[in-house]
Amino acid sequence: METTNEHIDDLIIRLLCGELDPEGRQELEFWASADATNAKYLHQRQELWFSATRPEELRKYDKEAAYAAFLRRINQNRTSATRHSLTGRQTLRRWTGYAAGILLLCLAGGIGYYSGQKHLLSAFADITIEVPQDSRTRTSLPDGTVVWLNAGSRLAYSQGFGVKDRNVRLEGEGFFEVEKNEQLPFCVHTSSVCVQDLGTAFNFRDYPDDKEAEVILAEGCIRLENLVRKGSPELMKPGDRIVVDKHTGTLVRDTYDANLANQWTGGRLIFDGESIETIARKIEQCYHVSVTLASEGLEDCHFYGTFIRMENSLTEVLDALAATGKVRYRIEGRRVTLYSN
């Protein structure tokens, strides 16, 4: 554990120095997003450094006093018995050694501190979780909320999440099981829709290439705001589905089996009257292929069906679509082309 901590400390120190390369930054972001305690530890290290000299004191900057304050904060931090707390004289010497160098380089004159602080905080302001195209992931946020993210999805939240707000930004699809907190509403933002929730379960789909954003409520109550066409927020109850056209802002509400809202988290592929365009995107994410619609008129086709990724092959899904007599297909490697009959 101590070896792991020392490696993470080295990454954090290089971040504060402005010397962390993209590979190291990616490793640190992955480590911070893997566990709420890790994110807290990183945030404490940043605060430990930046709070050693307060911005309002920079006009009367005292380099030696700032350095002493930084050392005092390190010593105070060493007394906390957290899982990732710094231990050992060697770790303390590494922090203090780097601290002296950074103070001399970044704080001399005060101006460098302002720009350095602002740059570093903004450069590492968000924790981001990205899911590869051929997988799904389950993660817990610092407030206890559980999120399932589908293939090719991205979720970002600030390091102040759970303290000053509970805002997250989504690209892709996620099923949220929200920890209740009436003092801090949970908000999911995309470019077209904002969903606010106090504690419930819902599915939210809005990939950048999708023409529509879809929200399905499984439990509780949420408020949906259409950001494309401004209007009064929509209140949703369990079993409600709202689809927003991301180009026109047209909003359509219908009912949906709430028990099916999170079936994709278990590897199920469900078509519930969706358009062939939506189905094509789902097939892409589920089977890691590229799907092209080659004929006009396909956009008017809608299908129903349920498949299990581990049991049904790509060919079996396409054969089922073709059996309706509305569509035919061709597979070339990882590329699928759909034609109308």
C-alpha atoms as a PDB file:
ATOM      1  CA  MET A   1       0.000   0.000   0.000  1.00  0.00           C
ATOM      2  CA  GLU A   2       2.815   2.400   0.895  1.00  0.00           C
ATOM      3  CA  THR A   3       4.502   1.730  -2.462  1.00  0.00           C
ATOM      4  CA  THR A   4       1.225   2.514  -4.233  1.00  0.00           C
ATOM      5  CA  ASN A   5       0.838   5.699  -2.205  1.00  0.00           C
ATOM      6  CA  GLU A   6       4.353   6.828  -3.059  1.00  0.00           C
ATOM      7  CA  HIS A   7       3.679   6.328  -6.765  1.00  0.00           C
ATOM      8  CA  ILE A   8       0.392   8.253  -6.545  1.00  0.00           C
ATOM      9  CA  ASP A   9       2.133  10.995  -4.556  1.00  0.00           C
ATOM     10  CA  ASP A  10       4.725  11.294  -7.313  1.00  0.00           C
ATOM     11  CA  LEU A  11       1.942  11.727  -9.879  1.00  0.00           C
ATOM     12  CA  ILE A  12       0.226  14.373  -7.747  1.00  0.00           C
ATOM     13  CA  ILE A  13       3.487  16.231  -7.207  1.00  0.00           C
ATOM     14  CA  ARG A  14       4.199  16.293 -10.951  1.00  0.00           C
ATOM     15  CA  LEU A  15       0.634  17.543 -11.510  1.00  0.00           C
ATOM     16  CA  LEU A  16       1.207  20.410  -9.076  1.00  0.00           C
ATOM     17  CA  CYS A  17       4.530  21.148 -10.766  1.00  0.00           C
ATOM     18  CA  GLY A  18       2.843  21.271 -14.150  1.00  0.00           C
ATOM     19  CA  GLU A  19       5.093  18.427 -15.306  1.00  0.00           C
ATOM     20  CA  LEU A  20       2.594  15.548 -15.511  1.00  0.00           C
ATOM     21  CA  ASP A  21       2.401  14.054 -19.004  1.00  0.00           C
ATOM     22  CA  PRO A  22      -0.933  12.910 -20.571  1.00  0.00           C
ATOM     23  CA  GLU A  23      -0.256   9.274 -19.674  1.00  0.00           C
ATOM     24  CA  GLY A  24       0.326  10.154 -16.030  1.00  0.00           C
ATOM     25  CA  ARG A  25      -2.739  12.401 -15.952  1.00  0.00           C
ATOM     26  CA  GLN A  26      -4.877   9.579 -17.360  1.00  0.00           C
ATOM     27  CA  GLU A  27      -3.516   7.182 -14.722  1.00  0.00           C
ATOM     28  CA  LEU A  28      -4.249   9.660 -11.946  1.00  0.00           C
ATOM     29  CA  GLU A  29      -7.758  10.357 -13.235  1.00  0.00           C
ATOM     30  CA  PHE A  30      -8.480   6.626 -13.441  1.00  0.00           C
ATOM     31  CA  TRP A  31      -7.191   6.091  -9.900  1.00  0.00           C
ATOM     32  CA  ALA A  32      -9.250   9.008  -8.536  1.00  0.00           C
ATOM     33  CA  SER A  33     -12.450   7.843 -10.259  1.00  0.00           C
ATOM     34  CA  ALA A  34     -12.088   4.245  -9.078  1.00  0.00           C
ATOM     35  CA  ASP A  35     -12.932   4.983  -5.450  1.00  0.00           C
ATOM     36  CA  ALA A  36     -14.468   7.865  -3.500  1.00  0.00           C
ATOM     37  CA  THR A  37     -11.628   7.675  -0.948  1.00  0.00           C
ATOM     38  CA  ASN A  38      -9.077   8.107  -3.733  1.00  0.00           C
ATOM     39  CA  ALA A  39     -10.863  11.206  -5.038  1.00  0.00           C
ATOM     40  CA  LYS A  40     -10.982  12.638  -1.517  1.00  0.00           C
ATOM     41  CA  TYR A  41      -7.267  11.955  -1.017  1.00  0.00           C
ATOM     42  CA  LEU A  42      -6.376  13.743  -4.267  1.00  0.00           C
ATOM     43  CA  HIS A  43      -8.583  16.687  -3.379  1.00  0.00           C
ATOM     44  CA  GLN A  44      -6.948  16.936   0.054  1.00  0.00           C
ATOM     45  CA  ARG A  45      -3.456  16.986  -1.516  1.00  0.00           C
ATOM     46  CA  GLN A  46      -4.504  19.809  -3.833  1.00  0.00           C
ATOM     47  CA  GLU A  47      -6.078  21.765  -0.987  1.00  0.00           C
ATOM     48  CA  LEU A  48      -3.021  21.107   1.155  1.00  0.00           C
ATOM     49  CA  TRP A  49      -0.824  22.785  -1.426  1.00  0.00           C
ATOM     50  CA  PHE A  50      -3.083  25.610  -2.541  1.00  0.00           C
ATOM     51  CA  SER A  51      -4.215  26.577   0.942  1.00  0.00           C
ATOM     52  CA  ALA A  52      -0.627  26.959   2.174  1.00  0.00           C
ATOM     53  CA  THR A  53      -0.804  30.520   0.834  1.00  0.00           C
ATOM     54  CA  ARG A  54      -4.228  32.125   0.729  1.00  0.00           C
ATOM     55  CA  PRO A  55      -5.046  34.326  -2.268  1.00  0.00           C
ATOM     56  CA  GLU A  56      -6.045  37.281  -0.073  1.00  0.00           C
ATOM     57  CA  GLU A  57      -2.575  37.175   1.507  1.00  0.00           C
ATOM     58  CA  LEU A  58      -0.659  37.368  -1.768  1.00  0.00           C
ATOM     59  CA  ARG A  59      -0.391  41.143  -1.708  1.00  0.00           C
ATOM     60  CA  LYS A  60       1.788  40.810   1.364  1.00  0.00           C
ATOM     61  CA  TYR A  61       3.408  37.564   0.194  1.00  0.00           C
ATOM     62  CA  ASP A  62       5.953  36.024   2.543  1.00  0.00           C
ATOM     63  CA  LYS A  63       7.690  33.063   0.906  1.00  0.00           C
ATOM     64  CA  GLU A  64       9.135  31.636   4.123  1.00  0.00           C
ATOM     65  CA  ALA A  65       5.821  31.914   5.960  1.00  0.00           C
ATOM     66  CA  ALA A  66       4.024  30.149   3.082  1.00  0.00           C
ATOM     67  CA  TYR A  67       6.572  27.352   3.103  1.00  0.00           C
ATOM     68  CA  ALA A  68       6.211  26.930   6.868  1.00  0.00           C
ATOM     69  CA  ALA A  69       2.420  26.839   6.544  1.00  0.00           C
ATOM     70  CA  PHE A  70       2.671  24.129   3.920  1.00  0.00           C
ATOM     71  CA  LEU A  71       4.882  21.989   6.180  1.00  0.00           C
ATOM     72  CA  ARG A  72       2.498  22.452   9.103  1.00  0.00           C
ATOM     73  CA  ARG A  73      -0.417  21.251   6.996  1.00  0.00           C
ATOM     74  CA  ILE A  74       1.498  18.172   5.879  1.00  0.00           C
ATOM     75  CA  ASN A  75       2.326  17.290   9.483  1.00  0.00           C
ATOM     76  CA  GLN A  76      -1.309  17.786  10.482  1.00  0.00           C
ATOM     77  CA  ASN A  77      -2.460  15.533   7.651  1.00  0.00           C
ATOM     78  CA  ARG A  78      -0.137  12.743   8.700  1.00  0.00           C
ATOM     79  CA  THR A  79      -2.112  12.276  11.927  1.00  0.00           C
ATOM     80  CA  SER A  80      -5.298  11.220  10.090  1.00  0.00           C
ATOM     81  CA  ALA A  81      -5.689   7.450   9.838  1.00  0.00           C
ATOM     82  CA  THR A  82      -7.309   7.246   6.420  1.00  0.00           C
ATOM     83  CA  ARG A  83      -6.595   4.442   4.040  1.00  0.00           C
ATOM     84  CA  HIS A  84      -4.468   6.648   1.803  1.00  0.00           C
ATOM     85  CA  SER A  85      -2.843   8.949   4.375  1.00  0.00           C
ATOM     86  CA  LEU A  86       0.834   9.700   3.923  1.00  0.00           C
ATOM     87  CA  THR A  87       3.134   7.672   6.157  1.00  0.00           C
ATOM     88  CA  GLY A  88       6.865   7.575   6.836  1.00  0.00           C
ATOM     89  CA  ARG A  89       9.664  10.108   6.909  1.00  0.00           C
ATOM     90  CA  GLN A  90      10.602   9.384   3.297  1.00  0.00           C
ATOM     91  CA  THR A  91       7.181  10.475   1.970  1.00  0.00           C
ATOM     92  CA  LEU A  92       7.261  13.629   4.080  1.00  0.00           C
ATOM     93  CA  ARG A  93      10.752  14.477   2.802  1.00  0.00           C
ATOM     94  CA  ARG A  94       9.574  14.046  -0.808  1.00  0.00           C
ATOM     95  CA  TRP A  95       6.646  16.402  -0.264  1.00  0.00           C
ATOM     96  CA  THR A  96       8.704  18.997   1.574  1.00  0.00           C
ATOM     97  CA  GLY A  97      11.516  18.799  -0.951  1.00  0.00           C
ATOM     98  CA  TYR A  98       9.162  19.377  -3.849  1.00  0.00           C
ATOM     99  CA  ALA A  99       7.330  22.038  -1.871  1.00  0.00           C
ATOM    100  CA  ALA A 100      10.456  24.166  -1.545  1.00  0.00           C
ATOM    101  CA  GLY A 101      11.098  23.946  -5.288  1.00  0.00           C
ATOM    102  CA  ILE A 102       7.519  24.713  -6.256  1.00  0.00           C
ATOM    103  CA  LEU A 103       7.282  27.623  -3.866  1.00  0.00           C
ATOM    104  CA  LEU A 104      10.425  29.151  -5.331  1.00  0.00           C
ATOM    105  CA  LEU A 105       9.331  28.583  -8.923  1.00  0.00           C
ATOM    106  CA  CYS A 106       5.603  29.276  -8.754  1.00  0.00           C
ATOM    107  CA  LEU A 107       5.104  31.672  -5.876  1.00  0.00           C
ATOM    108  CA  ALA A 108       7.905  34.172  -6.327  1.00  0.00           C
ATOM    109  CA  GLY A 109       6.300  37.576  -6.717  1.00  0.00           C
ATOM    110  CA  GLY A 110       2.796  36.239  -6.157  1.00  0.00           C
ATOM    111  CA  ILE A 111       1.740  36.526  -9.804  1.00  0.00           C
ATOM    112  CA  GLY A 112       2.850  33.015 -10.693  1.00  0.00           C
ATOM    113  CA  TYR A 113       0.816  31.607  -7.846  1.00  0.00           C
ATOM    114  CA  TYR A 114      -2.398  33.163  -9.089  1.00  0.00           C
ATOM    115  CA  SER A 115      -2.011  31.821 -12.632  1.00  0.00           C
ATOM    116  CA  GLY A 116      -0.646  28.484 -11.482  1.00  0.00           C
ATOM    117  CA  GLN A 117      -3.450  27.899  -9.007  1.00  0.00           C
ATOM    118  CA  LYS A 118      -6.143  28.799 -11.473  1.00  0.00           C
ATOM    119  CA  HIS A 119      -4.596  26.655 -14.223  1.00  0.00           C
ATOM    120  CA  LEU A 120      -4.064  23.589 -12.054  1.00  0.00           C
ATOM    121  CA  LEU A 121      -7.522  23.683 -10.478  1.00  0.00           C
ATOM    122  CA  SER A 122      -9.200  24.002 -13.864  1.00  0.00           C
ATOM    123  CA  ALA A 123      -6.941  21.365 -15.430  1.00  0.00           C
ATOM    124  CA  PHE A 124      -7.969  18.789 -12.853  1.00  0.00           C
ATOM    125  CA  ALA A 125     -11.375  20.149 -11.898  1.00  0.00           C
ATOM    126  CA  ASP A 126     -13.429  17.159 -13.092  1.00  0.00           C
ATOM    127  CA  ILE A 127     -13.287  13.433 -12.493  1.00  0.00           C
ATOM    128  CA  THR A 128     -14.230  11.630 -15.711  1.00  0.00           C
ATOM    129  CA  ILE A 129     -15.286   8.033 -16.256  1.00  0.00           C
ATOM    130  CA  GLU A 130     -15.132   6.752 -19.833  1.00  0.00           C
ATOM    131  CA  VAL A 131     -16.347   3.341 -21.004  1.00  0.00           C
ATOM    132  CA  PRO A 132     -14.834   1.558 -24.034  1.00  0.00           C
ATOM    133  CA  GLN A 133     -17.110   0.730 -26.946  1.00  0.00           C
ATOM    134  CA  ASP A 134     -17.225  -2.977 -26.174  1.00  0.00           C
ATOM    135  CA  SER A 135     -18.038  -2.935 -22.465  1.00  0.00           C
ATOM    136  CA  ARG A 136     -20.244  -1.641 -19.632  1.00  0.00           C
ATOM    137  CA  THR A 137     -19.271  -0.483 -16.168  1.00  0.00           C
ATOM    138  CA  ARG A 138     -20.800   0.015 -12.743  1.00  0.00           C
ATOM    139  CA  THR A 139     -19.474   2.780 -10.516  1.00  0.00           C
ATOM    140  CA  SER A 140     -20.349   4.395  -7.198  1.00  0.00           C
ATOM    141  CA  LEU A 141     -20.227   8.170  -6.866  1.00  0.00           C
ATOM    142  CA  PRO A 142     -18.949   9.879  -3.680  1.00  0.00           C
ATOM    143  CA  ASP A 143     -22.524  10.416  -2.398  1.00  0.00           C
ATOM    144  CA  GLY A 144     -23.389   6.710  -2.664  1.00  0.00           C
ATOM    145  CA  THR A 145     -25.275   6.966  -5.960  1.00  0.00           C
ATOM    146  CA  VAL A 146     -24.751   3.921  -8.183  1.00  0.00           C
ATOM    147  CA  VAL A 147     -24.377   4.438 -11.944  1.00  0.00           C
ATOM    148  CA  TRP A 148     -24.289   1.885 -14.723  1.00  0.00           C
ATOM    149  CA  LEU A 149     -22.676   3.264 -17.890  1.00  0.00           C
ATOM    150  CA  ASN A 150     -23.221   1.695 -21.288  1.00  0.00           C
ATOM    151  CA  ALA A 151     -20.631   1.222 -24.022  1.00  0.00           C
ATOM    152  CA  GLY A 152     -19.018   4.409 -25.344  1.00  0.00           C
ATOM    153  CA  SER A 153     -20.421   6.522 -22.506  1.00  0.00           C
ATOM    154  CA  ARG A 154     -18.721   9.271 -20.535  1.00  0.00           C
ATOM    155  CA  LEU A 155     -19.647  10.677 -17.102  1.00  0.00           C
ATOM    156  CA  ALA A 156     -17.967  13.693 -15.496  1.00  0.00           C
ATOM    157  CA  TYR A 157     -18.374  15.413 -12.138  1.00  0.00           C
ATOM    158  CA  SER A 158     -16.422  18.003 -10.172  1.00  0.00           C
ATOM    159  CA  GLN A 159     -14.311  17.272  -7.128  1.00  0.00           C
ATOM    160  CA  GLY A 160     -16.837  19.299  -5.127  1.00  0.00           C
ATOM    161  CA  PHE A 161     -19.539  16.722  -5.946  1.00  0.00           C
ATOM    162  CA  GLY A 162     -21.590  15.817  -2.901  1.00  0.00           C
ATOM    163  CA  VAL A 163     -20.412  18.883  -0.998  1.00  0.00           C
ATOM    164  CA  LYS A 164     -21.535  21.956  -2.898  1.00  0.00           C
ATOM    165  CA  ASP A 165     -23.729  20.189  -5.481  1.00  0.00           C
ATOM    166  CA  ARG A 166     -24.520  16.833  -7.085  1.00  0.00           C
ATOM    167  CA  ASN A 167     -24.186  17.744 -10.756  1.00  0.00           C
ATOM    168  CA  VAL A 168     -22.929  15.262 -13.344  1.00  0.00           C
ATOM    169  CA  ARG A 169     -22.557  15.536 -17.104  1.00  0.00           C
ATOM    170  CA  LEU A 170     -23.427  12.567 -19.281  1.00  0.00           C
ATOM    171  CA  GLU A 171     -22.542  11.623 -22.837  1.00  0.00           C
ATOM    172  CA  GLY A 172     -24.056   8.271 -23.752  1.00  0.00           C
ATOM    173  CA  GLU A 173     -26.341   6.094 -21.638  1.00  0.00           C
ATOM    174  CA  GLY A 174     -26.517   5.601 -17.902  1.00  0.00           C
ATOM    175  CA  PHE A 175     -28.860   3.991 -15.401  1.00  0.00           C
ATOM    176  CA  PHE A 176     -28.837   5.928 -12.135  1.00  0.00           C
ATOM    177  CA  GLU A 177     -29.788   4.653  -8.680  1.00  0.00           C
ATOM    178  CA  VAL A 178     -29.697   7.946  -6.810  1.00  0.00           C
ATOM    179  CA  GLU A 179     -28.911   8.234  -3.108  1.00  0.00           C
ATOM    180  CA  LYS A 180     -31.579  10.385  -1.471  1.00  0.00           C
ATOM    181  CA  ASN A 181     -30.508  13.844  -0.320  1.00  0.00           C
ATOM    182  CA  GLU A 182     -33.214  16.506  -0.278  1.00  0.00           C
ATOM    183  CA  GLN A 183     -30.673  19.220   0.511  1.00  0.00           C
ATOM    184  CA  LEU A 184     -28.644  18.526  -2.647  1.00  0.00           C
ATOM    185  CA  PRO A 185     -30.741  17.516  -5.684  1.00  0.00           C
ATOM    186  CA  PHE A 186     -29.000  15.152  -8.087  1.00  0.00           C
ATOM    187  CA  CYS A 187     -28.789  16.677 -11.584  1.00  0.00           C
ATOM    188  CA  VAL A 188     -27.771  14.975 -14.830  1.00  0.00           C
ATOM    189  CA  HIS A 189     -26.898  17.332 -17.681  1.00  0.00           C
ATOM    190  CA  THR A 190     -26.533  16.666 -21.392  1.00  0.00           C
ATOM    191  CA  SER A 191     -26.501  19.158 -24.238  1.00  0.00           C
ATOM    192  CA  SER A 192     -30.245  18.764 -24.751  1.00  0.00           C
ATOM    193  CA  VAL A 193     -31.839  17.690 -21.453  1.00  0.00           C
ATOM    194  CA  CYS A 194     -31.392  18.257 -17.732  1.00  0.00           C
ATOM    195  CA  VAL A 195     -32.881  15.810 -15.216  1.00  0.00           C
ATOM    196  CA  GLN A 196     -33.213  16.732 -11.534  1.00  0.00           C
ATOM    197  CA  ASP A 197     -33.830  14.072  -8.930  1.00  0.00           C
ATOM    198  CA  LEU A 198     -33.867  13.786  -5.137  1.00  0.00           C
ATOM    199  CA  GLY A 199     -33.505  10.024  -4.864  1.00  0.00           C
ATOM    200  CA  THR A 200     -34.830   7.515  -7.356  1.00  0.00           C
ATOM    201  CA  ALA A 201     -33.875   5.280 -10.315  1.00  0.00           C
ATOM    202  CA  PHE A 202     -33.998   6.217 -13.978  1.00  0.00           C
ATOM    203  CA  ASN A 203     -32.368   5.540 -17.343  1.00  0.00           C
ATOM    204  CA  PHE A 204     -30.954   8.399 -19.405  1.00  0.00           C
ATOM    205  CA  ARG A 205     -29.747   7.953 -22.973  1.00  0.00           C
ATOM    206  CA  ASP A 206     -28.182  10.784 -24.986  1.00  0.00           C
ATOM    207  CA  TYR A 207     -25.186   9.868 -27.133  1.00  0.00           C
ATOM    208  CA  PRO A 208     -23.689  12.765 -29.118  1.00  0.00           C
ATOM    209  CA  ASP A 209     -24.630  11.103 -32.442  1.00  0.00           C
ATOM    210  CA  ASP A 210     -28.206  10.298 -31.377  1.00  0.00           C
ATOM    211  CA  LYS A 211     -30.976  12.385 -32.872  1.00  0.00           C
ATOM    212  CA  GLU A 212     -33.085  11.956 -29.747  1.00  0.00           C
ATOM    213  CA  ALA A 213     -32.535  11.997 -25.991  1.00  0.00           C
ATOM    214  CA  GLU A 214     -34.518   9.473 -23.958  1.00  0.00           C
ATOM    215  CA  VAL A 215     -35.340   9.333 -20.253  1.00  0.00           C
ATOM    216  CA  ILE A 216     -37.210   6.432 -18.611  1.00  0.00           C
ATOM    217  CA  LEU A 217     -38.240   6.629 -14.957  1.00  0.00           C
ATOM    218  CA  ALA A 218     -38.165   3.353 -13.014  1.00  0.00           C
ATOM    219  CA  GLU A 219     -38.785   4.596  -9.462  1.00  0.00           C
ATOM    220  CA  GLY A 220     -39.662   7.824  -7.660  1.00  0.00           C
ATOM    221  CA  CYS A 221     -40.159  11.188  -9.328  1.00  0.00           C
ATOM    222  CA  ILE A 222     -37.944  13.396 -11.454  1.00  0.00           C
ATOM    223  CA  ARG A 223     -38.172  16.752 -13.151  1.00  0.00           C
ATOM    224  CA  LEU A 224     -37.032  16.998 -16.781  1.00  0.00           C
ATOM    225  CA  GLU A 225     -36.015  20.251 -18.438  1.00  0.00           C
ATOM    226  CA  ASN A 226     -35.945  20.475 -22.232  1.00  0.00           C
ATOM    227  CA  LEU A 227     -32.872  22.566 -23.086  1.00  0.00           C
ATOM    228  CA  VAL A 228     -33.553  22.597 -26.848  1.00  0.00           C
ATOM    229  CA  ARG A 229     -37.005  24.156 -26.629  1.00  0.00           C
ATOM    230  CA  LYS A 230     -37.483  26.066 -23.395  1.00  0.00           C
ATOM    231  CA  GLY A 231     -40.699  25.510 -21.502  1.00  0.00           C
ATOM    232  CA  SER A 232     -42.117  24.375 -18.203  1.00  0.00           C
ATOM    233  CA  PRO A 233     -40.271  21.399 -16.670  1.00  0.00           C
ATOM    234  CA  GLU A 234     -41.896  18.001 -17.128  1.00  0.00           C
ATOM    235  CA  LEU A 235     -42.612  15.951 -14.010  1.00  0.00           C
ATOM    236  CA  MET A 236     -42.248  12.203 -14.551  1.00  0.00           C
ATOM    237  CA  LYS A 237     -43.686   9.267 -12.612  1.00  0.00           C
ATOM    238  CA  PRO A 238     -42.599   5.606 -12.731  1.00  0.00           C
ATOM    239  CA  GLY A 239     -43.240   4.041 -16.130  1.00  0.00           C
ATOM    240  CA  ASP A 240     -43.026   7.371 -17.975  1.00  0.00           C
ATOM    241  CA  ARG A 241     -40.760   7.727 -20.969  1.00  0.00           C
ATOM    242  CA  ILE A 242     -39.906  11.084 -22.526  1.00  0.00           C
ATOM    243  CA  VAL A 243     -38.112  11.413 -25.846  1.00  0.00           C
ATOM    244  CA  VAL A 244     -36.746  14.799 -26.949  1.00  0.00           C
ATOM    245  CA  ASP A 245     -35.838  15.550 -30.567  1.00  0.00           C
ATOM    246  CA  LYS A 246     -32.398  17.148 -30.229  1.00  0.00           C
ATOM    247  CA  HIS A 247     -32.864  19.229 -33.400  1.00  0.00           C
ATOM    248  CA  THR A 248     -36.402  20.600 -33.040  1.00  0.00           C
ATOM    249  CA  GLY A 249     -36.921  20.207 -29.305  1.00  0.00           C
ATOM    250  CA  THR A 250     -40.163  18.291 -29.874  1.00  0.00           C
ATOM    251  CA  LEU A 251     -41.025  16.299 -26.748  1.00  0.00           C
ATOM    252  CA  VAL A 252     -43.006  13.054 -26.794  1.00  0.00           C
ATOM    253  CA  ARG A 253     -44.233  11.338 -23.620  1.00  0.00           C
ATOM    254  CA  ASP A 254     -45.440   7.746 -23.482  1.00  0.00           C
ATOM    255  CA  THR A 255     -45.420   4.762 -21.125  1.00  0.00           C
ATOM    256  CA  TYR A 256     -42.720   2.119 -20.782  1.00  0.00           C
ATOM    257  CA  ASP A 257     -42.335  -1.026 -18.711  1.00  0.00           C
ATOM    258  CA  ALA A 258     -40.294   0.321 -15.793  1.00  0.00           C
ATOM    259  CA  ASN A 259     -38.864  -3.148 -15.165  1.00  0.00           C
ATOM    260  CA  LEU A 260     -37.127  -3.014 -18.551  1.00  0.00           C
ATOM    261  CA  ALA A 261     -35.416   0.355 -17.996  1.00  0.00           C
ATOM    262  CA  ASN A 262     -32.157  -1.148 -16.771  1.00  0.00           C
ATOM    263  CA  GLN A 263     -32.175  -4.483 -18.601  1.00  0.00           C
ATOM    264  CA  TRP A 264     -29.184  -3.479 -20.723  1.00  0.00           C
ATOM    265  CA  THR A 265     -27.032  -3.466 -17.571  1.00  0.00           C
ATOM    266  CA  GLY A 266     -27.430  -7.262 -17.522  1.00  0.00           C
ATOM    267  CA  GLY A 267     -26.578  -7.656 -21.204  1.00  0.00           C
ATOM    268  CA  ARG A 268     -30.122  -7.572 -22.581  1.00  0.00           C
ATOM    269  CA  LEU A 269     -30.832  -5.833 -25.879  1.00  0.00           C
ATOM    270  CA  ILE A 270     -34.440  -4.614 -25.949  1.00  0.00           C
ATOM    271  CA  PHE A 271     -36.329  -3.031 -28.839  1.00  0.00           C
ATOM    272  CA  ASP A 272     -39.638  -1.557 -27.652  1.00  0.00           C
ATOM    273  CA  GLY A 273     -41.047   0.064 -30.751  1.00  0.00           C
ATOM    274  CA  GLU A 274     -37.866   2.040 -31.410  1.00  0.00           C
ATOM    275  CA  SER A 275     -36.889   3.383 -34.804  1.00  0.00           C
ATOM    276  CA  ILE A 276     -34.342   1.540 -36.918  1.00  0.00           C
ATOM    277  CA  GLU A 277     -31.897   4.410 -36.281  1.00  0.00           C
ATOM    278  CA  THR A 278     -32.061   3.889 -32.524  1.00  0.00           C
ATOM    279  CA  ILE A 279     -31.814   0.127 -32.981  1.00  0.00           C
ATOM    280  CA  ALA A 280     -28.754   0.561 -35.195  1.00  0.00           C
ATOM    281  CA  ARG A 281     -27.009   2.554 -32.446  1.00  0.00           C
ATOM    282  CA  LYS A 282     -27.910  -0.092 -29.860  1.00  0.00           C
ATOM    283  CA  ILE A 283     -26.507  -2.853 -32.079  1.00  0.00           C
ATOM    284  CA  GLU A 284     -23.300  -0.864 -32.528  1.00  0.00           C
ATOM    285  CA  GLN A 285     -22.803  -0.498 -28.785  1.00  0.00           C
ATOM    286  CA  CYS A 286     -23.782  -4.071 -27.961  1.00  0.00           C
ATOM    287  CA  TYR A 287     -21.755  -5.871 -30.639  1.00  0.00           C
ATOM    288  CA  HIS A 288     -19.001  -3.323 -31.301  1.00  0.00           C
ATOM    289  CA  VAL A 289     -19.746  -2.923 -35.005  1.00  0.00           C
ATOM    290  CA  SER A 290     -20.520  -0.043 -37.342  1.00  0.00           C
ATOM    291  CA  VAL A 291     -24.073   0.032 -38.721  1.00  0.00           C
ATOM    292  CA  THR A 292     -25.069   2.045 -41.809  1.00  0.00           C
ATOM    293  CA  LEU A 293     -28.592   2.683 -43.119  1.00  0.00           C
ATOM    294  CA  ALA A 294     -28.311   2.522 -46.912  1.00  0.00           C
ATOM    295  CA  SER A 295     -31.930   2.968 -48.010  1.00  0.00           C
ATOM    296  CA  GLU A 296     -34.520   5.701 -47.720  1.00  0.00           C
ATOM    297  CA  GLY A 297     -37.671   4.788 -45.883  1.00  0.00           C
ATOM    298  CA  LEU A 298     -35.913   2.768 -43.199  1.00  0.00           C
ATOM    299  CA  GLU A 299     -36.417   5.602 -40.726  1.00  0.00           C
ATOM    300  CA  ASP A 300     -40.138   4.772 -40.703  1.00  0.00           C
ATOM    301  CA  CYS A 301     -39.513   1.199 -39.519  1.00  0.00           C
ATOM    302  CA  HIS A 302     -40.046   0.343 -35.844  1.00  0.00           C
ATOM    303  CA  PHE A 303     -39.352  -2.995 -34.176  1.00  0.00           C
ATOM    304  CA  TYR A 304     -39.980  -4.992 -30.997  1.00  0.00           C
ATOM    305  CA  GLY A 305     -37.770  -7.712 -29.592  1.00  0.00           C
ATOM    306  CA  THR A 306     -35.584  -8.891 -26.708  1.00  0.00           C
ATOM    307  CA  PHE A 307     -32.150 -10.480 -27.053  1.00  0.00           C
ATOM    308  CA  ILE A 308     -29.376 -11.528 -24.681  1.00  0.00           C
ATOM    309  CA  ARG A 309     -25.896 -10.503 -25.754  1.00  0.00           C
ATOM    310  CA  MET A 310     -24.159 -13.603 -24.344  1.00  0.00           C
ATOM    311  CA  GLU A 311     -26.682 -15.959 -25.976  1.00  0.00           C
ATOM    312  CA  ASN A 312     -27.691 -14.249 -29.215  1.00  0.00           C
ATOM    313  CA  SER A 313     -25.116 -13.474 -31.879  1.00  0.00           C
ATOM    314  CA  LEU A 314     -25.139 -10.401 -34.094  1.00  0.00           C
ATOM    315  CA  THR A 315     -26.364 -12.557 -36.983  1.00  0.00           C
ATOM    316  CA  GLU A 316     -29.285 -13.846 -34.934  1.00  0.00           C
ATOM    317  CA  VAL A 317     -30.389 -10.293 -34.113  1.00  0.00           C
ATOM    318  CA  LEU A 318     -30.136  -9.216 -37.754  1.00  0.00           C
ATOM    319  CA  ASP A 319     -31.966 -12.352 -38.903  1.00  0.00           C
ATOM    320  CA  ALA A 320     -34.814 -11.474 -36.548  1.00  0.00           C
ATOM    321  CA  LEU A 321     -35.052  -7.991 -38.057  1.00  0.00           C
ATOM    322  CA  ALA A 322     -34.958  -9.416 -41.575  1.00  0.00           C
ATOM    323  CA  ALA A 323     -37.720 -11.912 -40.701  1.00  0.00           C
ATOM    324  CA  THR A 324     -40.177  -9.005 -40.474  1.00  0.00           C
ATOM    325  CA  GLY A 325     -39.808  -8.527 -44.221  1.00  0.00           C
ATOM    326  CA  LYS A 326     -38.995  -4.843 -43.780  1.00  0.00           C
ATOM    327  CA  VAL A 327     -35.206  -4.953 -43.845  1.00  0.00           C
ATOM    328  CA  ARG A 328     -32.273  -6.946 -45.200  1.00  0.00           C
ATOM    329  CA  TYR A 329     -28.623  -6.718 -44.262  1.00  0.00           C
ATOM    330  CA  ARG A 330     -25.028  -7.326 -45.327  1.00  0.00           C
ATOM    331  CA  ILE A 331     -22.038  -7.938 -43.035  1.00  0.00           C
ATOM    332  CA  GLU A 332     -18.494  -7.069 -44.106  1.00  0.00           C
ATOM    333  CA  GLY A 333     -16.052  -7.565 -41.253  1.00  0.00           C
ATOM    334  CA  ARG A 334     -17.101  -5.164 -38.491  1.00  0.00           C
ATOM    335  CA  ARG A 335     -19.404  -3.217 -40.799  1.00  0.00           C
ATOM    336  CA  VAL A 336     -23.142  -3.871 -41.134  1.00  0.00           C
ATOM    337  CA  THR A 337     -25.298  -2.292 -43.848  1.00  0.00           C
ATOM    338  CA  LEU A 338     -29.094  -2.278 -43.588  1.00  0.00           C
ATOM    339  CA  TYR A 339     -31.360  -1.990 -46.657  1.00  0.00           C
ATOM    340  CA  SER A 340     -35.122  -1.695 -47.008  1.00  0.00           C
ATOM    341  CA  ASN A 341     -37.010  -4.485 -48.776  1.00  0.00           C
END
